[in-house]
Protein backbone atom coordinates (compact mmCIF):
# COMPACT_ATOMS: atom_id res chain seq x y z
CA UNK A 1 6.22 23.38 10.90
CA UNK A 2 6.29 21.57 14.23
CA UNK A 3 9.46 19.72 13.23
CA UNK A 4 11.22 23.04 12.55
CA UNK A 5 10.38 24.12 16.08
CA UNK A 6 11.49 20.78 17.53
CA UNK A 7 14.85 21.05 15.74
CA UNK A 8 15.27 24.65 16.91
CA UNK A 9 14.52 23.60 20.49
CA UNK A 10 17.13 20.81 20.38
CA UNK A 11 19.73 23.17 18.93
CA UNK A 12 18.97 25.82 21.55
CA UNK A 13 18.29 23.77 24.66
CA UNK A 14 20.38 20.62 24.13
CA UNK A 15 23.17 22.37 22.18
CA UNK A 16 22.93 19.81 19.37
CA UNK A 17 24.13 20.56 15.87
CA UNK A 18 21.48 20.68 13.15
CA UNK A 19 22.45 17.28 11.65
CA UNK A 20 22.15 15.58 15.04
CA UNK A 21 18.90 17.39 15.89
CA UNK A 22 17.47 16.30 12.53
CA UNK A 23 18.31 12.66 13.29
CA UNK A 24 16.50 12.92 16.64
CA UNK A 25 13.42 14.63 15.23
CA UNK A 26 13.09 12.36 12.21
CA UNK A 27 13.35 9.22 14.31
CA UNK A 28 10.17 10.16 16.18
CA UNK A 29 8.12 11.68 13.34
CA UNK A 30 5.44 10.30 11.06
CA UNK A 31 3.87 12.34 8.26
CA UNK A 32 0.35 11.19 7.43
CA UNK A 33 -0.65 12.67 4.08
CA UNK A 34 -4.39 13.06 3.63
CA UNK A 35 -4.97 13.93 -0.01
CA UNK A 36 -3.42 13.66 -3.46
CA UNK A 37 -5.23 16.86 -4.54
CA UNK A 38 -2.66 19.66 -5.14
CA UNK A 39 -4.76 22.20 -3.23
CA UNK A 40 -4.14 20.12 -0.09
CA UNK A 41 -0.35 20.64 -0.28
CA UNK A 42 0.53 24.20 0.63
CA UNK A 43 3.38 25.84 -1.26
CA UNK A 44 4.81 29.31 -0.63
CA UNK A 45 6.80 31.73 -2.73
CA UNK A 46 10.22 32.36 -1.21
CA UNK A 47 9.44 36.02 -0.52
CA UNK A 48 6.31 35.23 1.43
CA UNK A 49 7.99 32.38 3.29
CA UNK A 50 10.96 34.61 4.19
CA UNK A 51 8.64 37.22 5.68
CA UNK A 52 7.80 34.84 8.51
CA UNK A 53 10.65 32.30 8.60
CA UNK A 54 13.93 34.16 7.98
CA UNK A 55 14.93 34.12 11.65
CA UNK A 56 14.03 30.44 11.97
CA UNK A 57 16.89 29.26 9.76
CA UNK A 58 19.43 30.57 12.28
CA UNK A 59 17.49 28.99 15.16
CA UNK A 60 17.75 25.61 13.40
CA UNK A 61 21.45 26.04 12.68
CA UNK A 62 20.91 26.44 8.94
CA UNK A 63 21.54 28.98 6.23
CA UNK A 64 18.46 30.42 4.55
CA UNK A 65 19.04 28.40 1.37
CA UNK A 66 19.42 25.19 3.38
CA UNK A 67 16.04 25.79 5.02
CA UNK A 68 14.42 26.51 1.65
CA UNK A 69 15.91 23.32 0.21
CA UNK A 70 14.17 21.26 2.91
CA UNK A 71 10.90 22.22 1.22
CA UNK A 72 12.00 21.75 -2.39
CA UNK A 73 11.79 18.68 -4.57
CA UNK A 74 14.85 19.99 -6.38
CA UNK A 75 17.25 21.44 -3.80
CA UNK A 76 19.33 24.37 -5.00
CA UNK A 77 16.72 25.48 -7.55
CA UNK A 78 16.08 29.21 -7.19
CA UNK A 79 12.45 30.13 -7.65
CA UNK A 80 11.05 26.76 -6.61
CA UNK A 81 8.40 27.22 -3.94
CA UNK A 82 8.66 25.90 -0.40
CA UNK A 83 6.34 22.90 -0.09
CA UNK A 84 5.05 22.01 3.34
CA UNK A 85 4.61 18.40 2.24
CA UNK A 86 8.18 18.11 0.95
CA UNK A 87 9.40 19.61 4.25
CA UNK A 88 7.36 17.02 6.15
CA UNK A 89 8.79 14.18 4.06
CA UNK A 90 12.34 15.45 4.65
CA UNK A 91 11.94 15.79 8.41
CA UNK A 92 9.93 12.63 9.14
CA UNK A 93 11.32 9.10 9.17
CA UNK A 94 8.02 7.60 8.08
CA UNK A 95 5.30 8.69 5.65
CA UNK A 96 1.91 7.10 5.12
CA UNK A 97 -1.21 7.46 3.05
CA UNK A 98 -4.67 6.77 4.45
CA UNK A 99 -5.68 3.81 2.29
CA UNK A 100 -3.85 1.16 0.27
CA UNK A 101 -4.49 2.97 -3.01
CA UNK A 102 -3.61 6.33 -1.49
CA UNK A 103 -0.31 4.88 -0.30
CA UNK A 104 0.45 3.87 -3.89
CA UNK A 105 -0.61 7.27 -5.22
CA UNK A 106 1.50 9.00 -2.56
CA UNK A 107 4.60 7.02 -3.54
CA UNK A 108 4.14 8.23 -7.11
CA UNK A 109 3.38 11.79 -5.96
CA UNK A 110 6.45 12.03 -3.71
CA UNK A 111 8.85 10.11 -5.98
CA UNK A 112 10.62 13.32 -7.14
CA UNK A 113 11.81 13.92 -3.56
CA UNK A 114 13.81 10.68 -3.45
CA UNK A 115 15.51 10.59 -6.83
CA UNK A 116 17.15 7.38 -7.91
CA UNK A 117 14.40 5.05 -6.72
CA UNK A 118 11.25 3.83 -8.42
CA UNK A 119 7.97 4.76 -6.68
CA UNK A 120 7.31 1.15 -5.67
CA UNK A 121 10.67 1.08 -3.82
CA UNK A 122 9.89 4.02 -1.55
CA UNK A 123 9.26 3.69 2.18
CA UNK A 124 5.87 5.45 1.97
CA UNK A 125 3.31 3.09 3.51
CA UNK A 126 -0.35 3.30 4.42
CA UNK A 127 -2.90 2.82 7.15
CA UNK A 128 -6.48 2.86 5.97
CA UNK A 129 -8.70 5.21 7.95
CA UNK A 130 -11.31 3.86 10.32
CA UNK A 131 -14.14 5.46 12.29
CA UNK A 132 -14.99 5.56 15.97
CA UNK A 133 -17.75 3.04 16.50
CA UNK A 134 -19.26 4.56 19.63
CA UNK A 135 -19.45 8.03 18.10
CA UNK A 136 -20.99 7.16 14.75
CA UNK A 137 -23.14 4.09 15.38
CA UNK A 138 -26.75 4.83 16.31
CA UNK A 139 -27.85 3.72 19.76
CA UNK A 140 -30.42 1.38 18.17
CA UNK A 141 -27.67 -0.53 16.38
CA UNK A 142 -25.39 -0.47 19.40
CA UNK A 143 -28.15 -2.04 21.48
CA UNK A 144 -28.70 -4.71 18.83
CA UNK A 145 -24.96 -5.41 18.59
CA UNK A 146 -24.64 -5.74 22.36
CA UNK A 147 -27.53 -8.18 22.51
CA UNK A 148 -26.14 -10.20 19.60
CA UNK A 149 -22.37 -10.03 20.06
CA UNK A 150 -22.27 -9.94 23.85
CA UNK A 151 -21.61 -7.18 26.40
CA UNK A 152 -17.85 -7.07 25.74
CA UNK A 153 -18.09 -6.57 21.97
CA UNK A 154 -16.81 -2.98 22.22
CA UNK A 155 -13.47 -4.29 23.45
CA UNK A 156 -12.88 -6.46 20.39
CA UNK A 157 -14.22 -4.38 17.52
CA UNK A 158 -11.79 -5.55 14.86
CA UNK A 159 -12.52 -9.26 15.38
CA UNK A 160 -14.35 -10.49 12.22
CA UNK A 161 -15.57 -13.66 13.99
CA UNK A 162 -17.54 -11.57 16.44
CA UNK A 163 -19.29 -9.62 13.68
CA UNK A 164 -20.38 -12.80 11.93
CA UNK A 165 -22.96 -13.25 14.68
CA UNK A 166 -25.08 -10.69 12.81
CA UNK A 167 -26.26 -13.63 10.67
CA UNK A 168 -28.05 -15.06 13.69
CA UNK A 169 -30.39 -12.07 13.84
CA UNK A 170 -33.89 -12.34 12.42
CA UNK A 171 -34.31 -10.42 9.17
CA UNK A 172 -37.27 -8.58 10.71
CA UNK A 173 -35.08 -7.18 13.49
CA UNK A 174 -32.48 -5.89 11.05
CA UNK A 175 -35.10 -4.33 8.81
CA UNK A 176 -37.04 -2.72 11.63
CA UNK A 177 -33.92 -1.28 13.23
CA UNK A 178 -33.09 0.45 9.98
CA UNK A 179 -36.68 1.62 9.47
CA UNK A 180 -36.72 3.23 12.92
CA UNK A 181 -33.64 5.24 12.01
CA UNK A 182 -35.06 6.09 8.60
CA UNK A 183 -38.18 7.53 10.20
CA UNK A 184 -36.00 9.48 12.63
CA UNK A 185 -34.09 10.99 9.71
CA UNK A 186 -37.31 12.09 8.05
CA UNK A 187 -38.62 13.65 11.25
CA UNK A 188 -35.25 15.34 11.78
CA UNK A 189 -35.36 16.90 8.31
CA UNK A 190 -38.91 18.10 8.78
CA UNK A 191 -38.18 19.49 12.23
CA UNK A 192 -34.91 21.22 11.34
CA UNK A 193 -35.73 22.66 7.93
CA UNK A 194 -39.44 23.49 7.94
CA UNK A 195 -39.15 26.84 9.71
CA UNK A 196 -36.12 28.06 7.73
CA UNK A 197 -37.51 26.95 4.38
CA UNK A 198 -40.85 28.63 5.02
CA UNK A 199 -38.99 31.78 6.00
CA UNK A 200 -36.39 31.88 3.22
CA UNK A 201 -37.68 30.00 0.18
CA UNK A 202 -40.67 32.18 -0.56
CA UNK A 203 -43.16 29.52 -1.66
CA UNK A 204 -44.89 27.88 1.32
CA UNK A 205 -46.80 25.49 -0.92
CA UNK A 206 -43.65 24.12 -2.49
CA UNK A 207 -41.94 23.82 0.89
CA UNK A 208 -44.81 21.84 2.38
CA UNK A 209 -44.99 19.63 -0.71
CA UNK A 210 -41.29 18.79 -0.39
CA UNK A 211 -41.51 18.04 3.32
CA UNK A 212 -44.66 15.94 3.01
CA UNK A 213 -43.24 13.97 0.08
CA UNK A 214 -40.30 12.50 2.02
CA UNK A 215 -41.42 8.90 2.06
CA UNK A 216 -40.20 6.20 4.48
CA UNK A 217 -41.33 3.61 1.92
CA UNK A 218 -39.09 5.11 -0.78
CA UNK A 219 -35.54 4.02 -1.48
CA UNK A 220 -33.61 6.99 -0.07
CA UNK A 221 -30.11 7.58 -1.39
CA UNK A 222 -27.81 9.97 0.45
CA UNK A 223 -24.85 12.05 -0.69
CA UNK A 224 -23.12 14.20 1.92
CA UNK A 225 -19.56 15.58 1.78
CA UNK A 226 -17.40 18.54 0.84
CA UNK A 227 -18.43 19.83 -2.55
CA UNK A 228 -14.98 19.69 -4.10
CA UNK A 229 -15.24 19.23 -7.86
CA UNK A 230 -13.37 15.91 -7.80
CA UNK A 231 -16.19 14.46 -5.68
CA UNK A 232 -18.35 14.68 -8.85
CA UNK A 233 -21.68 15.44 -7.20
CA UNK A 234 -22.96 16.35 -10.65
CA UNK A 235 -22.79 12.81 -12.09
CA UNK A 236 -26.35 11.91 -11.16
CA UNK A 237 -27.64 14.90 -13.11
CA UNK A 238 -25.87 14.11 -16.39
CA UNK A 239 -29.06 12.73 -17.99
CA UNK A 240 -32.15 14.38 -16.53
CA UNK A 241 -34.55 12.33 -18.67
CA UNK A 242 -33.18 9.10 -17.28
CA UNK A 243 -33.13 10.50 -13.74
CA UNK A 244 -36.71 11.72 -14.14
CA UNK A 245 -37.84 8.20 -14.99
CA UNK A 246 -36.03 6.76 -11.96
CA UNK A 247 -37.53 9.11 -9.38
CA UNK A 248 -41.07 9.25 -10.77
CA UNK A 249 -41.98 5.58 -10.79
CA UNK A 250 -44.99 5.39 -8.41
CA UNK A 251 -44.47 1.67 -7.81
CA UNK A 252 -40.80 2.06 -6.91
CA UNK A 253 -40.33 5.52 -5.38
CA UNK A 254 -36.73 6.76 -5.15
CA UNK A 255 -35.53 9.93 -3.46
CA UNK A 256 -32.09 11.53 -3.32
CA UNK A 257 -30.93 13.63 -0.38
CA UNK A 258 -27.89 15.84 -0.98
CA UNK A 259 -25.97 17.95 1.49
CA UNK A 260 -22.53 19.48 1.80
CA UNK A 261 -20.49 22.64 1.74
CA UNK A 262 -17.96 24.12 -0.68
CA UNK A 263 -14.85 26.03 0.31
CA UNK A 264 -15.49 29.79 0.06
CA UNK A 265 -12.80 30.05 -2.61
CA UNK A 266 -14.05 27.02 -4.57
CA UNK A 267 -16.26 28.50 -7.26
CA UNK A 268 -16.61 25.12 -8.97
CA UNK A 269 -17.94 23.47 -5.81
CA UNK A 270 -20.34 26.34 -5.17
CA UNK A 271 -21.56 26.01 -8.74
CA UNK A 272 -22.35 22.33 -8.20
CA UNK A 273 -24.50 23.15 -5.16
CA UNK A 274 -26.32 25.87 -7.11
CA UNK A 275 -27.00 23.46 -9.98
CA UNK A 276 -28.42 20.75 -7.66
CA UNK A 277 -30.66 23.26 -5.88
CA UNK A 278 -31.97 24.51 -9.22
CA UNK A 279 -32.76 20.97 -10.39
CA UNK A 280 -34.46 20.16 -7.10
CA UNK A 281 -36.92 22.99 -7.72
CA UNK A 282 -38.03 21.71 -11.12
CA UNK A 283 -41.60 20.33 -10.92
CA UNK A 284 -40.62 16.80 -11.91
CA UNK A 285 -37.92 16.64 -9.21
CA UNK A 286 -39.74 18.46 -6.44
CA UNK A 287 -39.56 16.32 -3.32
CA UNK A 288 -37.51 13.74 -5.24
CA UNK A 289 -34.18 15.60 -5.20
CA UNK A 290 -33.69 17.35 -1.87
CA UNK A 291 -30.76 19.55 -0.89
CA UNK A 292 -30.19 20.15 2.82
CA UNK A 293 -28.12 23.23 3.65
CA UNK A 294 -26.03 23.89 6.78
CA UNK A 295 -24.25 20.55 6.66
CA UNK A 296 -22.78 19.71 10.07
CA UNK A 297 -21.97 16.68 12.22
CA UNK A 298 -25.50 16.45 13.53
CA UNK A 299 -26.96 16.21 10.04
CA UNK A 300 -24.18 13.85 8.94
CA UNK A 301 -24.95 11.52 11.84
CA UNK A 302 -28.62 11.40 10.88
CA UNK A 303 -27.89 10.77 7.22
CA UNK A 304 -25.37 7.94 7.69
CA UNK A 305 -27.85 6.17 9.95
CA UNK A 306 -31.09 6.85 8.11
CA UNK A 307 -30.67 6.64 4.34
CA UNK A 308 -30.76 3.31 2.52
CA UNK A 309 -27.73 3.85 0.28
CA UNK A 310 -24.67 6.04 0.65
CA UNK A 311 -23.53 7.32 -2.75
CA UNK A 312 -19.94 8.36 -3.47
CA UNK A 313 -18.63 9.22 -6.93
CA UNK A 314 -15.07 10.64 -6.71
CA UNK A 315 -12.70 10.99 -9.63
CA UNK A 316 -10.25 8.10 -9.38
CA UNK A 317 -7.80 8.09 -7.64
CA UNK A 318 -8.37 11.38 -5.80
CA UNK A 319 -10.33 9.99 -2.84
CA UNK A 320 -7.55 9.44 -0.31
CA UNK A 321 -9.77 7.34 1.94
CA UNK A 322 -13.21 8.71 2.77
CA UNK A 323 -14.89 7.78 6.02
CA UNK A 324 -18.55 8.69 5.58
CA UNK A 325 -19.20 5.37 3.88
CA UNK A 326 -17.56 3.55 6.79
CA UNK A 327 -19.92 5.29 9.19
CA UNK A 328 -22.85 4.33 6.99
CA UNK A 329 -22.07 0.61 6.77
CA UNK A 330 -21.84 0.33 10.56
CA UNK A 331 -25.46 1.50 10.61
CA UNK A 332 -26.84 -0.95 8.09
CA UNK A 333 -26.60 1.56 5.20
CA UNK A 334 -25.23 0.09 1.98
CA UNK A 335 -22.50 1.75 -0.07
CA UNK A 336 -22.62 2.51 -3.77
CA UNK A 337 -19.26 4.00 -4.68
CA UNK A 338 -16.36 4.18 -7.08
CA UNK A 339 -13.64 1.69 -6.14
CA UNK A 340 -11.43 4.41 -4.75
CA UNK A 341 -10.06 5.20 -1.31
CA UNK A 342 -11.27 2.84 1.42
CA UNK A 343 -13.98 1.24 -0.76
CA UNK A 344 -11.35 -0.38 -3.00
CA UNK A 345 -10.40 -2.45 0.05
CA UNK A 346 -13.84 -2.62 1.62
CA UNK A 347 -16.07 -3.64 -1.27
CA UNK A 348 -17.48 -7.16 -1.05
CA UNK A 349 -19.82 -8.50 -3.67
CA UNK A 350 -23.27 -8.93 -2.18
CA UNK A 351 -22.62 -6.25 0.45
CA UNK A 352 -22.88 -3.07 -1.63
CA UNK A 353 -22.18 -1.87 -5.17
CA UNK A 354 -19.13 -0.52 -6.94
CA UNK A 355 -18.06 1.35 -10.03
CA UNK A 356 -14.76 0.00 -11.31
CA UNK A 357 -11.53 1.75 -10.35
CA UNK A 358 -10.22 1.37 -13.91
CA UNK A 359 -10.45 4.28 -16.30
CA UNK A 360 -11.85 3.63 -19.76
CA UNK A 361 -11.14 7.12 -21.11
CA UNK A 362 -8.28 9.55 -20.57
CA UNK A 363 -10.74 12.32 -21.33
CA UNK A 364 -12.41 13.09 -17.99
CA UNK A 365 -15.64 14.32 -19.58
CA UNK A 366 -16.05 11.04 -21.44
CA UNK A 367 -15.25 9.09 -18.27
CA UNK A 368 -17.87 11.09 -16.37
CA UNK A 369 -20.47 10.28 -19.01
CA UNK A 370 -19.66 6.56 -18.82
CA UNK A 371 -19.76 6.54 -15.03
CA UNK A 372 -23.08 8.39 -14.98
CA UNK A 373 -24.57 5.88 -17.43
CA UNK A 374 -23.26 3.04 -15.26
CA UNK A 375 -24.89 4.56 -12.15
CA UNK A 376 -28.25 4.84 -13.92
CA UNK A 377 -27.99 1.29 -15.22
CA UNK A 378 -27.08 -0.20 -11.84
CA UNK A 379 -29.91 1.69 -10.15
CA UNK A 380 -32.45 0.62 -12.78
CA UNK A 381 -31.39 -3.02 -13.15
CA UNK A 382 -29.90 -4.06 -9.81
CA UNK A 383 -30.39 -1.78 -6.84
CA UNK A 384 -33.98 -0.57 -7.17
CA UNK A 385 -35.40 -4.02 -8.11
CA UNK A 386 -33.54 -5.58 -5.16
CA UNK A 387 -34.91 -3.06 -2.67
CA UNK A 388 -38.51 -3.45 -3.84
CA UNK A 389 -38.45 -7.24 -4.04
CA UNK A 390 -40.53 -7.24 -0.85
CA UNK A 391 -42.02 -10.35 0.70
CA UNK A 392 -45.34 -10.77 2.49
CA UNK A 393 -43.80 -9.21 5.62
CA UNK A 394 -43.10 -5.96 3.80
CA UNK A 395 -39.36 -6.10 3.29
CA UNK A 396 -36.82 -7.48 0.85
CA UNK A 397 -35.02 -10.47 2.37
CA UNK A 398 -32.33 -10.10 -0.29
CA UNK A 399 -31.75 -6.49 0.77
CA UNK A 400 -31.49 -7.53 4.41
CA UNK A 401 -28.87 -10.12 3.43
CA UNK A 402 -26.85 -7.32 1.80
CA UNK A 403 -27.05 -5.42 5.09
CA UNK A 404 -25.91 -8.45 7.07
CA UNK A 405 -23.05 -9.07 4.64
CA UNK A 406 -21.98 -5.44 4.89
CA UNK A 407 -21.92 -5.52 8.67
CA UNK A 408 -20.24 -8.92 8.96
CA UNK A 409 -17.68 -8.66 6.17
CA UNK A 410 -16.84 -4.95 6.06
CA UNK A 411 -17.48 -3.25 9.42
CA UNK A 412 -14.75 -4.94 11.53
CA UNK A 413 -12.05 -3.87 9.10
CA UNK A 414 -12.78 -0.13 9.26
CA UNK A 415 -12.96 0.71 12.94
CA UNK A 416 -10.69 3.11 14.79
CA UNK A 417 -9.52 0.09 16.81
CA UNK A 418 -8.17 -1.61 13.69
CA UNK A 419 -6.67 1.67 12.48
CA UNK A 420 -4.80 2.28 15.74
CA UNK A 421 -3.60 -1.34 15.77
CA UNK A 422 -2.15 -0.79 12.28
CA UNK A 423 -0.45 2.47 13.25
CA UNK A 424 1.11 0.79 16.27
CA UNK A 425 2.34 -2.18 14.27
CA UNK A 426 3.54 -0.35 11.15
CA UNK A 427 4.81 2.96 12.51
CA UNK A 428 4.45 3.99 16.16
CA UNK A 429 6.26 1.05 17.74
CA UNK A 430 9.28 1.15 15.48
CA UNK A 431 9.49 4.94 15.74
CA UNK A 432 9.39 4.72 19.52
CA UNK A 433 12.06 2.01 19.57
CA UNK A 434 14.42 3.79 17.17
CA UNK A 435 13.94 7.18 18.81
CA UNK A 436 14.88 5.70 22.19
CA UNK A 437 18.05 4.25 20.66
CA UNK A 438 19.11 7.54 19.12
CA UNK A 439 18.58 9.71 22.21
CA UNK A 440 20.15 7.29 24.73
CA UNK A 441 23.49 8.15 26.35
CA UNK A 442 23.35 11.85 25.49
CA UNK A 443 22.29 11.26 21.88
CA UNK A 444 25.30 9.02 21.19
CA UNK A 445 23.72 7.04 18.35
CA UNK A 446 22.29 10.17 16.71
CA UNK A 447 25.71 11.83 16.81
CA UNK A 448 27.40 8.73 15.40
CA UNK A 449 24.90 8.45 12.54
CA UNK A 450 25.10 12.16 11.69
CA UNK A 451 28.91 11.94 11.55
CA UNK A 452 28.76 8.85 9.30
CA UNK A 453 26.39 10.62 6.91
CA UNK A 454 28.75 13.60 6.75
CA UNK A 455 31.64 11.27 5.88
CA UNK A 456 29.58 9.59 3.15
CA UNK A 457 28.60 12.94 1.62
CA UNK A 458 32.23 14.09 1.66
CA UNK A 459 33.36 11.29 -0.71
CA UNK A 460 30.12 10.67 -2.61
CA UNK A 461 30.74 12.79 -5.69
CA UNK A 462 34.19 11.26 -6.25
CA UNK A 463 33.11 7.60 -6.08
CA UNK A 464 33.55 5.68 -9.32
CA UNK A 465 32.45 2.21 -10.39
CA UNK A 466 34.65 0.02 -12.52
CA UNK A 467 33.41 -3.19 -14.10
CA UNK A 468 35.76 -6.09 -13.45
CA UNK A 469 33.61 -8.65 -15.31
CA UNK A 470 30.17 -8.42 -16.88
CA UNK A 471 28.38 -10.55 -19.53
CA UNK A 472 28.31 -8.90 -22.94
CA UNK A 473 24.73 -9.40 -24.14
CA UNK A 474 25.53 -7.82 -27.49
CA UNK A 475 27.59 -10.96 -28.17
CA UNK A 476 26.03 -13.65 -25.98
CA UNK A 477 22.26 -14.15 -25.94
CA UNK A 478 20.56 -13.84 -22.57
CA UNK A 479 19.03 -17.24 -21.75
CA UNK A 480 16.61 -18.31 -19.02
CA UNK A 481 18.26 -20.77 -16.63
CA UNK A 482 21.81 -19.58 -17.22
CA UNK A 483 23.99 -18.11 -14.48
CA UNK A 484 25.72 -14.81 -15.12
CA UNK A 485 28.59 -13.48 -13.01
CA UNK A 486 29.02 -9.79 -12.31
CA UNK A 487 32.05 -8.29 -10.53
CA UNK A 488 32.66 -4.58 -9.95
CA UNK A 489 34.97 -2.29 -8.01
CA UNK A 490 34.21 0.99 -6.24
CA UNK A 491 37.08 3.47 -6.06
CA UNK A 492 37.69 6.78 -4.28
CA UNK A 493 35.85 5.56 -1.20
CA UNK A 494 38.59 6.54 1.25
CA UNK A 495 38.45 4.37 4.36
CA UNK A 496 34.66 3.98 4.22
CA UNK A 497 33.00 0.63 3.57
CA UNK A 498 29.32 1.47 3.96
CA UNK A 499 28.25 1.24 0.35
CA UNK A 500 25.91 -1.16 -1.38
CA UNK A 501 25.87 -2.12 -5.05
CA UNK A 502 22.94 -3.80 -6.74
CA UNK A 503 21.91 -5.03 -10.15
CA UNK A 504 18.58 -3.50 -11.17
CA UNK A 505 16.63 -5.29 -13.87
CA UNK A 506 13.76 -3.41 -15.47
CA UNK A 507 11.10 -5.39 -17.32
CA UNK A 508 10.19 -3.34 -20.37
CA UNK A 509 6.77 -4.98 -20.73
CA UNK A 510 4.31 -2.38 -19.49
CA UNK A 511 1.73 -4.81 -18.16
CA UNK A 512 4.11 -6.84 -16.03
CA UNK A 513 3.25 -6.68 -12.34
CA UNK A 514 6.90 -7.15 -11.35
CA UNK A 515 8.60 -4.46 -13.41
CA UNK A 516 11.63 -4.10 -11.15
CA UNK A 517 13.88 -6.86 -9.87
CA UNK A 518 16.84 -6.01 -7.65
CA UNK A 519 19.75 -8.28 -6.76
CA UNK A 520 22.37 -6.92 -4.36
CA UNK A 521 26.02 -7.74 -4.95
CA UNK A 522 28.10 -9.16 -2.10
CA UNK A 523 31.08 -7.16 -0.87
CA UNK A 524 33.93 -9.63 -1.31
CA UNK A 525 37.10 -7.74 -0.35
CA UNK A 526 38.44 -4.40 0.80
CA UNK A 527 41.57 -2.72 -0.53
CA UNK A 528 42.95 0.76 0.15
CA UNK A 529 40.46 3.26 -1.29
CA UNK A 530 38.58 0.47 -3.10
CA UNK A 531 35.80 -2.04 -2.50
CA UNK A 532 35.04 -5.17 -4.55
CA UNK A 533 31.61 -6.73 -5.14
CA UNK A 534 30.38 -9.89 -6.84
CA UNK A 535 27.06 -11.43 -7.89
CA UNK A 536 26.10 -14.69 -9.56
CA UNK A 537 22.71 -14.07 -11.13
CA UNK A 538 20.45 -16.77 -12.51
CA UNK A 539 18.03 -15.69 -15.21
CA UNK A 540 14.54 -16.94 -14.36
CA UNK A 541 12.28 -15.05 -16.76
CA UNK A 542 12.12 -14.42 -20.46
CA UNK A 543 11.27 -11.03 -21.91
CA UNK A 544 12.70 -7.64 -22.76
CA UNK A 545 14.85 -6.17 -20.00
CA UNK A 546 17.20 -3.30 -19.31
CA UNK A 547 20.04 -3.62 -16.80
CA UNK A 548 21.88 -1.12 -14.63
CA UNK A 549 24.02 -1.01 -11.52
CA UNK A 550 23.08 1.23 -8.62
CA UNK A 551 25.24 2.41 -5.70
CA UNK A 552 23.76 3.53 -2.39
CA UNK A 553 24.94 4.24 1.18
CA UNK A 554 24.49 1.33 3.56
CA UNK A 555 24.36 1.34 7.36
CA UNK A 556 22.60 -1.02 9.79
CA UNK A 557 21.07 1.91 11.70
CA UNK A 558 19.32 3.44 8.69
CA UNK A 559 15.55 2.80 8.85
CA UNK A 560 15.30 2.70 5.04
CA UNK A 561 17.19 3.75 1.93
CA UNK A 562 15.50 7.15 1.63
CA UNK A 563 16.85 8.19 5.04
CA UNK A 564 20.10 9.04 3.22
CA UNK A 565 18.95 9.28 -0.35
CA UNK A 566 22.19 9.29 -2.31
CA UNK A 567 22.09 7.17 -5.46
CA UNK A 568 24.44 6.70 -8.40
CA UNK A 569 23.43 4.79 -11.50
CA UNK A 570 25.84 3.11 -13.91
CA UNK A 571 24.47 1.80 -17.21
């Protein structure tokens, strides 16, 4: 609710009206949404919200219902909860998701706020998350990078050309660097967990067997994250017979290390942890499936530097971004993940493995079964054979090439440096520039824009559209290559001229990648209380289409259409 406080401060201290204060606050605000999962978007019943916020409406210069409507998708709807995310969207000029796919999902999720526009037309953008190189990259890799890339590499982290120098390294150096960190992980696990396991797990023999069985020569696959149910930690355990065969091959040993925490109120997540722990205690999985409790940053740092593969299996498209895999690939750890979140952008063939982002089944249980079978198949037929295709020097040169590809082709695109560059370019700079314009000269531009919006709202309901000329497609066939003239008139506009009219063409073919085409009409003349518009449209595509005309407010100082989201459709 920081924007509520900022508005209240401007009303109180600068004596601004609410509409002007809102213009000022919005022009300097960005809402970064971090999840499409409903539990991540707090909503409050009006009674509970009123208990704490009743006095705040007056401080902002609003009635109670006006404050409630700022948090409602459907303003004026009694009983609709106050959504913190809707409030953020209504009080921020810009909104962004944290990956390309999450930006798309967020446009669809927030579309009900800005009625009259299709999701793909919304201003909601994205900046894909990145991770801080110096924090999450092991010192062994940092030393190797400095020697290979040069002493100034930390100042140019998002330069792909620099990272390509990893190919000049000897395979032995890459392999040994990873093996050092793998051995450190194993020693860390033994050192951290031995005492507690002996104290709490009741069977010293089993504990020592587990600890002694952690094998640096095995392919170690890590899974560490919040145990929310959409993360699907259970997928690997869908077919225990198949899993048993994978982990009990003496010639190709494979071990899985799981860790994570569930929210105290998340019974489903807690159940997943309980299930994994139970399986890990079965004789055939003892020392092959290992669950490490007390997940924290220290353990996370060891895992993302020491395992061979980082496994991620979220339900599409609920992984907003994910960053653990980004930390892993900077440390020579390969990703095996669903093409969701950041990995949809990051995946490069020959630098990791991916499960398709496309759903085969609407039924989630069936989709889970298919994905589990795909994981088993890829482990059995691709990943495990590649890892154990070792040469006379004791390592797989093909595996090392995957590591080099991952570092060269993926790492530079997922650093904090690149992320901050994107935020500056896409959001921060334009917010800073526009905010400075609006507050200059005692908020002159903000006051002007707020007054214009009030004038537009005053006449909006009365505006009518009259067709002056329009092709009649019930009589004349629509033909590709032909020009069609459209002329319309807006009435009841008073003395205002800031309105746009556009022809919206909707392709009715579901698979078409360009479903919406928009052509704005030109304002050709102004008469008392009326505006005239004209368009000559050339048909360029065949197919099945629907047509409509859309009216919207238009002003050069609006950052985007949704800043004053008034829309009228005429069919």
